[in-house]
Amino acid sequence: MSEVANLAYDVLRKPPTTPYDDLKFDVLKLMEEPKLKFTKRLRKELMNGVAREAQS
């Protein structure tokens, strides 16, 4: 499993085989780079986005 897939599972609490929209996947890929720090605010925004999509 790649680091991005592991991160997707850790952040979104979903298996890495779950499809994500392009924007969220790009954010997750960028989080792997050292210049972009993972913040609580970013995690909260991602989790809120996933929750809203699940309710739709």
N, C-alpha and C. Protein backbone atom coordinates (compact mmCIF):
# COMPACT_ATOMS: atom_id res chain seq x y z
N MET A 1 0.86 -1.17 0.00
CA MET A 1 0.00 0.00 0.00
C MET A 1 0.91 1.23 0.00
N SER A 2 0.60 2.19 -0.84
CA SER A 2 1.44 3.39 -0.94
C SER A 2 1.22 4.30 0.27
N GLU A 3 2.14 5.25 0.44
CA GLU A 3 2.00 6.21 1.54
C GLU A 3 0.74 7.04 1.37
N VAL A 4 0.40 7.39 0.13
CA VAL A 4 -0.81 8.18 -0.12
C VAL A 4 -2.04 7.37 0.28
N ALA A 5 -2.06 6.09 -0.07
CA ALA A 5 -3.20 5.24 0.29
C ALA A 5 -3.31 5.11 1.80
N ASN A 6 -2.18 4.93 2.48
CA ASN A 6 -2.20 4.86 3.94
C ASN A 6 -2.72 6.15 4.54
N LEU A 7 -2.27 7.27 4.01
CA LEU A 7 -2.70 8.57 4.50
C LEU A 7 -4.19 8.77 4.26
N ALA A 8 -4.68 8.35 3.10
CA ALA A 8 -6.11 8.47 2.80
C ALA A 8 -6.92 7.68 3.82
N TYR A 9 -6.45 6.49 4.15
CA TYR A 9 -7.16 5.67 5.14
C TYR A 9 -7.11 6.34 6.51
N ASP A 10 -5.93 6.85 6.91
CA ASP A 10 -5.79 7.48 8.22
C ASP A 10 -6.64 8.73 8.35
N VAL A 11 -6.67 9.56 7.31
CA VAL A 11 -7.37 10.84 7.37
C VAL A 11 -8.87 10.66 7.22
N LEU A 12 -9.29 9.87 6.26
CA LEU A 12 -10.71 9.77 5.93
C LEU A 12 -11.40 8.55 6.54
N ARG A 13 -10.62 7.68 7.19
CA ARG A 13 -11.17 6.46 7.81
C ARG A 13 -11.95 5.61 6.82
N LYS A 14 -11.44 5.56 5.59
CA LYS A 14 -12.04 4.72 4.56
C LYS A 14 -10.93 3.93 3.90
N PRO A 15 -11.23 2.74 3.39
CA PRO A 15 -10.20 1.97 2.70
C PRO A 15 -9.68 2.73 1.49
N PRO A 16 -8.42 2.51 1.12
CA PRO A 16 -7.84 3.23 -0.01
C PRO A 16 -8.49 2.89 -1.34
N THR A 17 -9.31 1.86 -1.41
CA THR A 17 -9.99 1.52 -2.66
C THR A 17 -11.23 2.38 -2.88
N THR A 18 -11.66 3.12 -1.84
CA THR A 18 -12.81 4.00 -1.99
C THR A 18 -12.44 5.16 -2.90
N PRO A 19 -13.21 5.42 -3.96
CA PRO A 19 -12.84 6.53 -4.86
C PRO A 19 -13.05 7.88 -4.18
N TYR A 20 -12.12 8.78 -4.43
CA TYR A 20 -12.21 10.14 -3.90
C TYR A 20 -12.28 11.10 -5.08
N ASP A 21 -12.90 12.25 -4.88
CA ASP A 21 -12.90 13.22 -5.96
C ASP A 21 -11.48 13.75 -6.15
N ASP A 22 -11.21 14.31 -7.32
CA ASP A 22 -9.85 14.71 -7.69
C ASP A 22 -9.23 15.69 -6.72
N LEU A 23 -10.00 16.65 -6.24
CA LEU A 23 -9.45 17.66 -5.35
C LEU A 23 -8.93 17.05 -4.05
N LYS A 24 -9.72 16.20 -3.43
CA LYS A 24 -9.29 15.58 -2.17
C LYS A 24 -8.07 14.71 -2.39
N PHE A 25 -8.04 13.97 -3.51
CA PHE A 25 -6.90 13.12 -3.77
C PHE A 25 -5.65 13.96 -3.99
N ASP A 26 -5.78 15.09 -4.68
CA ASP A 26 -4.63 15.98 -4.88
C ASP A 26 -4.14 16.54 -3.56
N VAL A 27 -5.05 16.89 -2.67
CA VAL A 27 -4.65 17.39 -1.35
C VAL A 27 -3.90 16.31 -0.60
N LEU A 28 -4.40 15.09 -0.66
CA LEU A 28 -3.73 13.99 0.04
C LEU A 28 -2.34 13.75 -0.53
N LYS A 29 -2.20 13.84 -1.85
CA LYS A 29 -0.87 13.67 -2.46
C LYS A 29 0.08 14.77 -2.00
N LEU A 30 -0.41 16.00 -1.94
CA LEU A 30 0.45 17.12 -1.53
C LEU A 30 0.86 17.01 -0.07
N MET A 31 0.01 16.42 0.75
CA MET A 31 0.33 16.27 2.17
C MET A 31 1.56 15.40 2.36
N GLU A 32 1.88 14.57 1.37
CA GLU A 32 3.04 13.71 1.44
C GLU A 32 4.33 14.52 1.33
N GLU A 33 4.26 15.69 0.70
CA GLU A 33 5.43 16.52 0.51
C GLU A 33 5.74 17.26 1.81
N PRO A 34 7.01 17.34 2.17
CA PRO A 34 7.38 17.97 3.45
C PRO A 34 7.01 19.45 3.55
N LYS A 35 6.88 20.15 2.43
CA LYS A 35 6.60 21.58 2.51
C LYS A 35 5.16 21.88 2.92
N LEU A 36 4.25 20.92 2.81
CA LEU A 36 2.86 21.12 3.22
C LEU A 36 2.63 20.36 4.52
N LYS A 37 2.45 21.08 5.59
CA LYS A 37 2.25 20.44 6.88
C LYS A 37 0.79 20.06 7.06
N PHE A 38 0.56 18.91 7.64
CA PHE A 38 -0.79 18.45 7.92
C PHE A 38 -1.28 19.17 9.17
N THR A 39 -2.39 19.86 9.06
CA THR A 39 -2.91 20.62 10.19
C THR A 39 -4.25 20.07 10.64
N LYS A 40 -4.62 20.39 11.86
CA LYS A 40 -5.93 19.98 12.36
C LYS A 40 -7.05 20.60 11.54
N ARG A 41 -6.83 21.86 11.10
CA ARG A 41 -7.85 22.54 10.30
C ARG A 41 -8.08 21.81 8.98
N LEU A 42 -7.02 21.39 8.32
CA LEU A 42 -7.14 20.68 7.06
C LEU A 42 -7.85 19.34 7.27
N ARG A 43 -7.48 18.63 8.33
CA ARG A 43 -8.13 17.34 8.62
C ARG A 43 -9.62 17.55 8.87
N LYS A 44 -9.96 18.59 9.63
CA LYS A 44 -11.37 18.87 9.93
C LYS A 44 -12.14 19.19 8.65
N GLU A 45 -11.55 19.99 7.76
CA GLU A 45 -12.21 20.32 6.50
C GLU A 45 -12.43 19.08 5.64
N LEU A 46 -11.43 18.21 5.58
CA LEU A 46 -11.58 16.97 4.81
C LEU A 46 -12.68 16.09 5.40
N MET A 47 -12.69 15.95 6.73
CA MET A 47 -13.69 15.10 7.37
C MET A 47 -15.09 15.68 7.19
N ASN A 48 -15.23 17.00 7.28
CA ASN A 48 -16.54 17.63 7.07
C ASN A 48 -17.01 17.43 5.64
N GLY A 49 -16.10 17.52 4.68
CA GLY A 49 -16.46 17.31 3.27
C GLY A 49 -16.94 15.89 3.03
N VAL A 50 -16.26 14.92 3.64
CA VAL A 50 -16.66 13.52 3.49
C VAL A 50 -18.01 13.29 4.14
N ALA A 51 -18.23 13.89 5.31
CA ALA A 51 -19.51 13.73 6.01
C ALA A 51 -20.66 14.32 5.20
N ARG A 52 -20.44 15.50 4.60
CA ARG A 52 -21.48 16.12 3.78
C ARG A 52 -21.80 15.25 2.56
N GLU A 53 -20.77 14.69 1.93
CA GLU A 53 -21.00 13.84 0.76
C GLU A 53 -21.75 12.57 1.14
N ALA A 54 -21.45 12.04 2.31
CA ALA A 54 -22.11 10.81 2.77
C ALA A 54 -23.60 11.06 3.02
N GLN A 55 -23.95 12.26 3.46
CA GLN A 55 -25.34 12.59 3.75
C GLN A 55 -26.13 12.87 2.48
N SER A 56 -25.43 13.20 1.39
CA SER A 56 -26.11 13.53 0.12
C SER A 56 -26.70 12.31 -0.53
